[in-house]
Protein backbone atom coordinates (compact mmCIF):
# COMPACT_ATOMS: atom_id res chain seq x y z
CA UNK A 1 1.36 1.26 -10.91
CA UNK A 2 -0.74 -1.04 -8.83
CA UNK A 3 1.74 -2.92 -7.32
CA UNK A 4 3.20 0.63 -6.34
CA UNK A 5 -0.17 1.96 -4.83
CA UNK A 6 -0.71 -1.65 -2.70
CA UNK A 7 2.23 -1.23 -1.09
CA UNK A 8 1.81 2.54 -0.39
CA UNK A 9 -1.59 1.29 1.19
CA UNK A 10 0.15 -1.18 3.10
CA UNK A 11 2.14 1.82 4.39
CA UNK A 12 -0.37 3.93 4.85
CA UNK A 13 -2.26 1.84 7.06
CA UNK A 14 1.01 0.88 9.17
CA UNK A 15 1.78 5.03 9.74
CA UNK A 16 -1.72 5.20 10.30
CA UNK A 17 -1.20 3.53 13.96
CA UNK A 18 1.69 5.68 14.89
CA UNK A 19 0.13 8.40 17.31
CA UNK A 20 3.05 10.98 17.39
CA UNK A 21 2.58 13.09 13.87
CA UNK A 22 6.34 13.79 13.50
CA UNK A 23 7.36 10.69 13.84
CA UNK A 24 4.72 9.36 11.33
CA UNK A 25 5.86 12.29 8.98
CA UNK A 26 9.37 10.63 9.46
CA UNK A 27 8.43 7.17 8.85
CA UNK A 28 5.90 8.13 6.28
CA UNK A 29 8.96 9.44 4.24
CA UNK A 30 11.25 6.53 4.45
CA UNK A 31 8.59 4.24 3.58
CA UNK A 32 7.37 6.17 0.32
CA UNK A 33 11.35 6.30 -0.84
CA UNK A 34 11.85 2.63 0.13
CA UNK A 35 8.66 1.87 -2.10
CA UNK A 36 10.15 3.94 -5.02
CA UNK A 37 13.16 2.50 -4.93
CA UNK A 38 11.75 -1.06 -4.81
CA UNK A 39 10.01 -0.27 -8.32
CA UNK A 40 12.83 1.67 -9.50
CA UNK A 41 10.78 4.93 -9.72
CA UNK A 42 10.95 8.45 -7.67
CA UNK A 43 8.08 10.65 -6.43
CA UNK A 44 7.62 12.41 -9.83
CA UNK A 45 7.13 9.66 -12.13
CA UNK A 46 4.76 8.58 -9.64
CA UNK A 47 2.64 11.79 -9.55
CA UNK A 48 2.80 12.23 -13.32
CA UNK A 49 1.37 8.31 -13.45
CA UNK A 50 -1.41 9.24 -10.45
CA UNK A 51 -2.04 12.48 -13.04
CA UNK A 52 -2.58 10.30 -16.12
CA UNK A 53 -5.02 8.38 -13.61
CA UNK A 54 -6.88 10.98 -12.30
CA UNK A 55 -7.79 12.16 -16.13
CA UNK A 56 -8.73 8.36 -16.49
CA UNK A 57 -11.06 7.40 -13.96
CA UNK A 58 -12.20 4.47 -15.25
CA UNK A 59 -8.73 2.92 -15.71
CA UNK A 60 -8.23 4.35 -12.19
CA UNK A 61 -11.07 2.56 -10.49
CA UNK A 62 -10.61 -0.47 -12.38
CA UNK A 63 -7.11 -0.54 -10.99
CA UNK A 64 -8.35 0.12 -7.75
CA UNK A 65 -11.05 -2.69 -7.89
CA UNK A 66 -7.19 -4.81 -8.39
CA UNK A 67 -5.85 -3.25 -5.65
CA UNK A 68 -8.95 -3.71 -2.80
CA UNK A 69 -9.26 -7.47 -4.18
CA UNK A 70 -5.63 -7.86 -3.28
CA UNK A 71 -5.89 -6.57 0.22
CA UNK A 72 -8.70 -8.33 0.89
CA UNK A 73 -7.10 -11.61 -0.20
CA UNK A 74 -3.93 -10.31 2.12
CA UNK A 75 -6.10 -9.55 5.25
CA UNK A 76 -7.83 -12.78 4.60
CA UNK A 77 -4.03 -14.60 4.60
CA UNK A 78 -3.14 -12.73 7.83
CA UNK A 79 -6.94 -13.60 9.65
CA UNK A 80 -6.18 -17.21 8.53
CA UNK A 81 -2.63 -17.21 10.26
CA UNK A 82 -3.97 -15.10 13.33
CA UNK A 83 -6.45 -17.74 13.98
CA UNK A 84 -4.68 -21.15 13.25
CA UNK A 85 -4.93 -23.64 16.17
CA UNK A 86 -1.99 -25.12 17.75
CA UNK A 87 -2.43 -28.81 17.94
CA UNK A 88 1.24 -30.30 18.59
CA UNK A 89 1.26 -29.65 21.83
């Protein structure tokens, strides 16, 4: 579930950059379907899992702490790649 939520948050971050609401909705649907396919699940099973975590907020908090740490690592990695100076000219 943690990996699914990680990918969903990455997709959501991209989707928020789309200005047109109709386009964002189409892109969102496509990304979510792709994520479900990647993890061999569907929206029904995803929602049931989320319901479980909503009923167990401590587990949800722990999982989101790990997701947040993973997202921060990814951002740091991207920032490092973005600002790396070119020295081979």
